[in-house]
């Protein structure tokens, strides 16, 4: 590794950390100003607020570090260009592709750390962060609790009109058991409640079909064991964000089998654990191409371009994420499509920079 490589890698990593350190406190202050009324209203202890903002750093940083990296590369590369250092480097016979090598070595360091932390460290912080939000800020958005339908195994389907997580009770419960396309039996109850390792059903009715004849069993109260957990009726909306790599894959396999309405959201989370770190390579290439030559307006002009492209990246990411959650839009297209769009932009700008 040559001296110029070490010089650029050092500039890259230090500027990224400085940029990260500048924006994180701003994010904390904005978030605190937004939530301070809720903190007072719910009398949240100071230690919980401090722990919340420790987790907030991981949560906020894991979402936006590619943008911080993007701005960092633009900032220090623009300074190199304005000081004619890049001109001197390229005039010495070094090709632009060789000049870009230390940039991608630096990006690789960040990507490897981001992949590992995104798979195993950030989920724990996301759990604490989301539990705090659900407890003190937006408890009503914690899960979907109405019109619930789920396949619990290869033969059984359950339905409930509503679910109360605090009481572990659901209303208008139905369970249907099939053998192929034929209905074996159907259980219905006005309420179902989890009570000390058993299910307690009120106004229990079981209709069973044997040799084309229907048999009906009725009980005012029925205690029984069923093949699902009461929490399966309305799982946490943010559960995928809180699971590590192996747990998330197991959840997705289970949710695919049961036909969960949250499956697209879970798949989106898994795709983003790859695409957000990999976007660092593309954003590095764009930043290098934009800022490696002098512009009228100097560093400020390059930073303005960087901020514009950074906000475009965030905007497209949010738009596609909403489409996945609110419709049947493909999570893979939503995640990898943004990389493809910015890869095209990167190739165009790279060709322009080389010329």
Protein backbone atom coordinates (compact mmCIF):
# COMPACT_ATOMS: atom_id res chain seq x y z
CA UNK A 1 0.00 0.00 0.00
CA UNK A 2 1.46 3.34 -1.07
CA UNK A 3 1.67 6.53 0.96
CA UNK A 4 -1.15 8.11 -1.08
CA UNK A 5 -3.39 5.14 -0.28
CA UNK A 6 -2.78 5.47 3.45
CA UNK A 7 -3.32 9.23 3.21
CA UNK A 8 -6.70 8.89 1.47
CA UNK A 9 -7.89 6.03 3.71
CA UNK A 10 -7.02 8.09 6.79
CA UNK A 11 -8.85 11.14 5.39
CA UNK A 12 -11.85 9.01 4.40
CA UNK A 13 -12.34 7.30 7.76
CA UNK A 14 -11.61 10.34 9.94
CA UNK A 15 -13.93 12.60 7.93
CA UNK A 16 -16.67 9.96 8.05
CA UNK A 17 -16.39 9.70 11.84
CA UNK A 18 -16.41 13.49 12.19
CA UNK A 19 -19.47 13.75 9.95
CA UNK A 20 -21.18 11.01 11.96
CA UNK A 21 -20.30 12.80 15.17
CA UNK A 22 -21.72 16.08 13.86
CA UNK A 23 -25.07 14.77 12.65
CA UNK A 24 -25.90 12.37 15.49
CA UNK A 25 -26.15 15.11 18.17
CA UNK A 26 -28.35 17.12 15.80
CA UNK A 27 -30.62 14.10 15.37
CA UNK A 28 -30.78 13.62 19.15
CA UNK A 29 -31.67 17.29 19.75
CA UNK A 30 -34.41 17.25 17.10
CA UNK A 31 -35.85 14.01 18.46
CA UNK A 32 -35.70 15.27 22.06
CA UNK A 33 -37.47 18.52 21.13
CA UNK A 34 -40.20 16.49 19.40
CA UNK A 35 -40.74 14.05 22.28
CA UNK A 36 -40.12 16.17 25.38
CA UNK A 37 -43.86 16.68 25.97
CA UNK A 38 -44.40 12.91 25.89
CA UNK A 39 -41.53 12.41 28.33
CA UNK A 40 -43.15 14.84 30.76
CA UNK A 41 -46.65 13.52 30.24
CA UNK A 42 -45.60 9.92 30.92
CA UNK A 43 -43.08 10.88 33.63
CA UNK A 44 -40.33 8.86 31.97
CA UNK A 45 -37.31 8.36 34.31
CA UNK A 46 -34.10 10.09 33.26
CA UNK A 47 -32.11 6.83 33.09
CA UNK A 48 -34.61 5.34 30.62
CA UNK A 49 -34.35 8.45 28.45
CA UNK A 50 -30.55 8.20 28.47
CA UNK A 51 -30.71 4.51 27.53
CA UNK A 52 -33.22 5.36 24.80
CA UNK A 53 -30.80 7.83 23.23
CA UNK A 54 -27.94 5.35 23.41
CA UNK A 55 -30.11 2.99 21.37
CA UNK A 56 -31.21 5.93 19.22
CA UNK A 57 -27.60 6.45 18.12
CA UNK A 58 -27.47 2.88 16.78
CA UNK A 59 -30.95 3.08 15.26
CA UNK A 60 -30.47 6.49 13.64
CA UNK A 61 -26.90 5.76 12.58
CA UNK A 62 -27.74 2.39 11.03
CA UNK A 63 -30.31 4.07 8.78
CA UNK A 64 -28.33 7.13 7.66
CA UNK A 65 -24.62 6.27 7.80
CA UNK A 66 -24.42 5.86 3.98
CA UNK A 67 -25.50 9.51 3.65
CA UNK A 68 -22.93 10.59 6.26
CA UNK A 69 -20.30 8.65 4.34
CA UNK A 70 -21.45 10.25 1.08
CA UNK A 71 -21.13 13.77 2.48
CA UNK A 72 -17.77 12.93 4.08
CA UNK A 73 -16.29 11.74 0.77
CA UNK A 74 -17.57 14.81 -1.05
CA UNK A 75 -16.19 17.14 1.63
CA UNK A 76 -12.62 15.84 1.87
CA UNK A 77 -12.31 15.04 -1.86
CA UNK A 78 -13.47 18.57 -2.75
CA UNK A 79 -10.76 19.95 -0.49
CA UNK A 80 -8.19 17.76 -2.23
CA UNK A 81 -9.41 19.03 -5.60
CA UNK A 82 -9.40 22.68 -4.53
CA UNK A 83 -5.84 22.30 -3.23
CA UNK A 84 -4.89 20.81 -6.66
CA UNK A 85 -3.73 17.62 -4.91
CA UNK A 86 -5.84 15.44 -7.20
CA UNK A 87 -4.45 17.21 -10.26
CA UNK A 88 -0.91 16.52 -9.05
CA UNK A 89 -1.72 12.87 -8.34
CA UNK A 90 -3.26 12.24 -11.75
CA UNK A 91 -0.52 14.23 -13.52
CA UNK A 92 2.05 11.84 -12.07
CA UNK A 93 0.65 9.10 -14.30
CA UNK A 94 -1.77 7.50 -11.82
CA UNK A 95 -5.03 6.51 -13.48
CA UNK A 96 -8.37 7.60 -12.08
CA UNK A 97 -9.28 3.97 -11.41
CA UNK A 98 -6.07 3.48 -9.41
CA UNK A 99 -6.75 6.74 -7.58
CA UNK A 100 -10.18 5.38 -6.57
CA UNK A 101 -8.69 2.21 -5.02
CA UNK A 102 -8.13 3.58 -1.45
CA UNK A 103 -11.66 4.97 -1.50
CA UNK A 104 -13.07 1.50 -2.00
CA UNK A 105 -10.73 -0.02 0.56
CA UNK A 106 -12.10 2.48 3.08
CA UNK A 107 -15.67 1.79 1.99
CA UNK A 108 -15.04 -1.95 2.39
CA UNK A 109 -13.96 -1.45 6.00
CA UNK A 110 -17.20 0.39 6.76
CA UNK A 111 -19.31 -2.10 4.80
CA UNK A 112 -17.88 -5.11 6.66
CA UNK A 113 -18.52 -3.47 10.04
CA UNK A 114 -21.99 -2.34 8.93
CA UNK A 115 -22.95 -5.83 7.73
CA UNK A 116 -21.84 -7.45 10.98
CA UNK A 117 -23.41 -4.83 13.25
CA UNK A 118 -26.60 -4.80 11.18
CA UNK A 119 -26.96 -8.55 11.55
CA UNK A 120 -26.05 -8.96 15.22
CA UNK A 121 -25.61 -5.67 17.16
CA UNK A 122 -28.19 -3.18 15.84
CA UNK A 123 -31.19 -5.57 16.29
CA UNK A 124 -30.70 -5.54 20.08
CA UNK A 125 -30.70 -1.73 20.11
CA UNK A 126 -33.70 -1.72 17.79
CA UNK A 127 -35.58 -3.89 20.29
CA UNK A 128 -34.95 -1.48 23.16
CA UNK A 129 -35.63 1.55 20.92
CA UNK A 130 -38.95 0.23 19.60
CA UNK A 131 -40.11 -1.01 23.02
CA UNK A 132 -39.50 2.46 24.45
CA UNK A 133 -41.43 4.09 21.58
CA UNK A 134 -44.30 1.62 21.97
CA UNK A 135 -44.41 2.07 25.75
CA UNK A 136 -44.16 5.84 26.05
CA UNK A 137 -44.73 7.44 22.63
CA UNK A 138 -46.92 5.53 20.16
CA UNK A 139 -48.37 2.45 21.84
CA UNK A 140 -51.31 2.29 19.40
CA UNK A 141 -48.97 1.63 16.46
CA UNK A 142 -47.35 -1.35 18.11
CA UNK A 143 -49.35 -4.01 16.25
CA UNK A 144 -52.39 -4.58 14.10
CA UNK A 145 -55.18 -5.76 16.42
CA UNK A 146 -58.27 -6.01 14.20
CA UNK A 147 -59.49 -8.42 11.50
CA UNK A 148 -56.76 -10.98 12.17
CA UNK A 149 -56.28 -14.06 10.00
CA UNK A 150 -53.47 -16.60 10.10
CA UNK A 151 -52.56 -20.12 9.01
CA UNK A 152 -51.00 -21.82 12.03
CA UNK A 153 -50.00 -25.13 10.42
CA UNK A 154 -50.61 -27.16 7.27
CA UNK A 155 -54.23 -27.89 8.19
CA UNK A 156 -55.52 -25.13 10.48
CA UNK A 157 -56.50 -21.49 10.04
CA UNK A 158 -57.54 -19.02 12.73
CA UNK A 159 -59.45 -15.74 12.67
CA UNK A 160 -60.33 -13.09 15.26
CA UNK A 161 -62.15 -9.79 14.86
CA UNK A 162 -59.91 -8.05 17.43
CA UNK A 163 -57.17 -8.75 19.96
CA UNK A 164 -56.26 -7.07 23.26
CA UNK A 165 -52.52 -7.68 23.96
CA UNK A 166 -52.65 -6.42 27.56
CA UNK A 167 -55.37 -8.93 28.49
CA UNK A 168 -54.26 -11.60 25.98
CA UNK A 169 -57.84 -11.88 24.81
CA UNK A 170 -59.41 -12.00 21.33
CA UNK A 171 -63.03 -11.59 20.24
CA UNK A 172 -65.09 -13.61 17.75
CA UNK A 173 -62.51 -16.35 17.42
CA UNK A 174 -62.70 -19.05 14.73
CA UNK A 175 -60.50 -22.06 14.00
CA UNK A 176 -60.98 -24.19 10.87
CA UNK A 177 -59.34 -27.56 10.36
CA UNK A 178 -59.02 -28.94 6.80
CA UNK A 179 -58.04 -32.21 5.23
CA UNK A 180 -56.98 -31.07 1.79
CA UNK A 181 -59.95 -29.03 0.57
CA UNK A 182 -62.42 -30.69 2.91
CA UNK A 183 -63.42 -29.09 6.22
CA UNK A 184 -62.98 -31.52 9.14
CA UNK A 185 -64.21 -29.31 11.93
CA UNK A 186 -64.74 -25.69 12.87
CA UNK A 187 -64.39 -24.14 16.34
CA UNK A 188 -65.89 -20.78 17.18
CA UNK A 189 -66.07 -18.77 20.39
CA UNK A 190 -67.18 -15.34 21.49
CA UNK A 191 -63.85 -14.82 23.25
CA UNK A 192 -60.55 -16.67 23.59
CA UNK A 193 -58.07 -15.89 26.34
CA UNK A 194 -54.66 -17.18 27.27
CA UNK A 195 -54.82 -18.24 30.92
CA UNK A 196 -51.93 -19.98 32.64
CA UNK A 197 -50.71 -22.22 29.76
CA UNK A 198 -54.19 -23.02 28.40
CA UNK A 199 -56.74 -21.33 26.16
CA UNK A 200 -60.09 -20.45 27.73
CA UNK A 201 -62.95 -20.13 25.22
CA UNK A 202 -66.40 -18.76 26.09
CA UNK A 203 -69.57 -19.74 24.23
CA UNK A 204 -67.60 -22.56 22.64
CA UNK A 205 -69.08 -24.27 19.57
CA UNK A 206 -67.44 -27.08 17.63
CA UNK A 207 -68.95 -28.29 14.37
CA UNK A 208 -67.55 -31.59 13.14
CA UNK A 209 -68.36 -33.32 9.85
CA UNK A 210 -68.27 -37.14 9.78
CA UNK A 211 -69.53 -39.01 6.71
CA UNK A 212 -71.32 -35.91 5.44
CA UNK A 213 -73.14 -35.49 8.75
CA UNK A 214 -72.63 -32.52 11.05
CA UNK A 215 -72.16 -32.93 14.82
CA UNK A 216 -72.29 -29.91 17.10
CA UNK A 217 -70.70 -29.58 20.54
CA UNK A 218 -71.57 -26.58 22.73
CA UNK A 219 -70.09 -25.44 26.04
CA UNK A 220 -70.39 -22.20 27.96
CA UNK A 221 -66.68 -22.37 28.79
CA UNK A 222 -63.99 -24.61 27.34
CA UNK A 223 -60.39 -24.92 28.52
CA UNK A 224 -58.15 -26.51 25.92
CA UNK A 225 -54.74 -26.51 24.21
CA UNK A 226 -54.37 -25.26 20.64
CA UNK A 227 -51.46 -25.36 18.22
CA UNK A 228 -50.48 -21.68 18.36
CA UNK A 229 -49.34 -18.97 20.72
CA UNK A 230 -51.79 -16.19 21.57
CA UNK A 231 -49.15 -13.64 20.48
CA UNK A 232 -49.29 -15.16 16.98
CA UNK A 233 -52.66 -13.47 16.48
CA UNK A 234 -51.09 -10.01 16.40
CA UNK A 235 -47.29 -10.07 16.27
CA UNK A 236 -45.32 -6.86 16.83
CA UNK A 237 -45.04 -4.80 13.66
CA UNK A 238 -41.35 -4.15 14.32
CA UNK A 239 -40.38 -7.69 15.32
CA UNK A 240 -38.15 -8.27 12.26
CA UNK A 241 -36.00 -5.24 13.13
CA UNK A 242 -35.19 -6.75 16.53
CA UNK A 243 -33.95 -10.15 15.34
CA UNK A 244 -30.42 -11.15 14.42
CA UNK A 245 -29.52 -12.80 11.12
CA UNK A 246 -30.47 -16.36 12.10
CA UNK A 247 -33.61 -15.41 14.04
CA UNK A 248 -34.86 -13.26 11.16
CA UNK A 249 -34.43 -16.08 8.64
CA UNK A 250 -36.34 -18.45 10.93
CA UNK A 251 -39.13 -15.89 11.34
CA UNK A 252 -39.45 -15.37 7.59
CA UNK A 253 -39.67 -19.13 6.96
CA UNK A 254 -42.41 -19.40 9.59
CA UNK A 255 -44.31 -16.32 8.38
CA UNK A 256 -44.23 -17.53 4.76
CA UNK A 257 -45.77 -20.81 5.85
CA UNK A 258 -48.49 -19.13 7.88
CA UNK A 259 -49.36 -16.47 5.32
CA UNK A 260 -48.63 -13.54 7.63
CA UNK A 261 -49.67 -10.08 6.34
CA UNK A 262 -46.34 -8.78 7.67
CA UNK A 263 -44.21 -11.01 5.43
CA UNK A 264 -43.38 -8.20 2.98
CA UNK A 265 -42.20 -5.97 5.82
CA UNK A 266 -39.99 -8.78 7.16
CA UNK A 267 -38.49 -9.41 3.72
CA UNK A 268 -37.84 -5.70 3.28
CA UNK A 269 -35.91 -5.63 6.56
CA UNK A 270 -33.78 -8.59 5.43
CA UNK A 271 -33.04 -7.05 2.02
CA UNK A 272 -32.06 -3.73 3.59
CA UNK A 273 -29.54 -5.42 5.85
CA UNK A 274 -27.61 -6.10 2.65
CA UNK A 275 -28.50 -3.14 0.43
CA UNK A 276 -27.86 -0.32 2.92
CA UNK A 277 -24.23 -1.40 3.58
CA UNK A 278 -23.61 -2.13 -0.13
CA UNK A 279 -24.92 1.32 -1.04
CA UNK A 280 -21.71 2.67 0.51
CA UNK A 281 -19.76 1.50 -2.54
CA UNK A 282 -22.11 3.21 -4.99
CA UNK A 283 -22.37 6.42 -2.97
CA UNK A 284 -18.57 6.50 -2.64
CA UNK A 285 -18.25 6.25 -6.41
CA UNK A 286 -20.81 9.02 -6.96
CA UNK A 287 -19.17 11.28 -4.36
CA UNK A 288 -15.72 10.71 -5.84
CA UNK A 289 -16.94 11.42 -9.37
CA UNK A 290 -18.77 14.60 -8.35
CA UNK A 291 -16.02 16.13 -6.21
CA UNK A 292 -12.75 15.06 -7.85
CA UNK A 293 -12.47 18.16 -10.04
CA UNK A 294 -12.79 21.85 -9.33
CA UNK A 295 -16.15 23.55 -9.70
CA UNK A 296 -17.16 27.16 -9.66
CA UNK A 297 -18.30 27.62 -6.07
CA UNK A 298 -15.68 25.23 -4.68
CA UNK A 299 -16.45 22.85 -1.83
CA UNK A 300 -19.83 24.46 -1.12
CA UNK A 301 -21.08 23.64 -4.61
CA UNK A 302 -20.05 20.00 -4.28
CA UNK A 303 -21.64 19.70 -0.84
CA UNK A 304 -24.88 21.17 -2.23
CA UNK A 305 -24.89 18.49 -4.93
CA UNK A 306 -24.12 15.86 -2.30
CA UNK A 307 -26.95 16.97 -0.01
CA UNK A 308 -29.37 16.93 -2.96
CA UNK A 309 -28.39 13.40 -3.99
CA UNK A 310 -28.38 12.28 -0.35
CA UNK A 311 -31.93 13.50 0.19
CA UNK A 312 -32.96 11.89 -3.10
CA UNK A 313 -31.57 8.58 -1.82
CA UNK A 314 -33.50 8.89 1.47
CA UNK A 315 -36.68 10.02 -0.34
CA UNK A 316 -36.68 7.07 -2.75
CA UNK A 317 -35.93 4.68 0.10
CA UNK A 318 -38.93 5.94 2.10
CA UNK A 319 -41.25 5.92 -0.93
CA UNK A 320 -40.40 2.33 -1.82
CA UNK A 321 -40.65 1.23 1.83
CA UNK A 322 -44.16 2.68 2.11
CA UNK A 323 -45.18 0.94 -1.12
CA UNK A 324 -44.02 -2.41 0.30
CA UNK A 325 -45.84 -1.95 3.62
CA UNK A 326 -49.08 -0.54 2.19
CA UNK A 327 -49.34 -2.67 -0.95
CA UNK A 328 -47.99 -5.84 -2.57
CA UNK A 329 -44.96 -4.09 -4.05
CA UNK A 330 -41.93 -6.41 -4.21
CA UNK A 331 -39.51 -5.95 -1.27
CA UNK A 332 -36.62 -7.06 -3.49
CA UNK A 333 -37.37 -4.40 -6.12
CA UNK A 334 -37.90 -1.77 -3.41
CA UNK A 335 -34.49 -2.52 -1.87
CA UNK A 336 -32.27 -3.39 -4.82
CA UNK A 337 -34.05 -1.03 -7.23
CA UNK A 338 -32.64 2.01 -5.42
CA UNK A 339 -29.12 0.60 -5.74
CA UNK A 340 -29.70 0.01 -9.45
CA UNK A 341 -30.93 3.60 -9.97
CA UNK A 342 -27.93 5.06 -8.16
CA UNK A 343 -25.56 2.66 -9.91
CA UNK A 344 -26.68 4.12 -13.25
CA UNK A 345 -26.09 7.62 -11.86
CA UNK A 346 -22.66 6.53 -10.59
CA UNK A 347 -21.59 5.09 -13.96
CA UNK A 348 -22.71 8.24 -15.78
CA UNK A 349 -20.83 10.53 -13.37
CA UNK A 350 -17.74 8.29 -13.40
CA UNK A 351 -17.47 8.46 -17.19
CA UNK A 352 -17.84 12.22 -17.00
CA UNK A 353 -15.15 12.47 -14.31
CA UNK A 354 -12.68 10.29 -16.27
CA UNK A 355 -13.12 12.50 -19.34
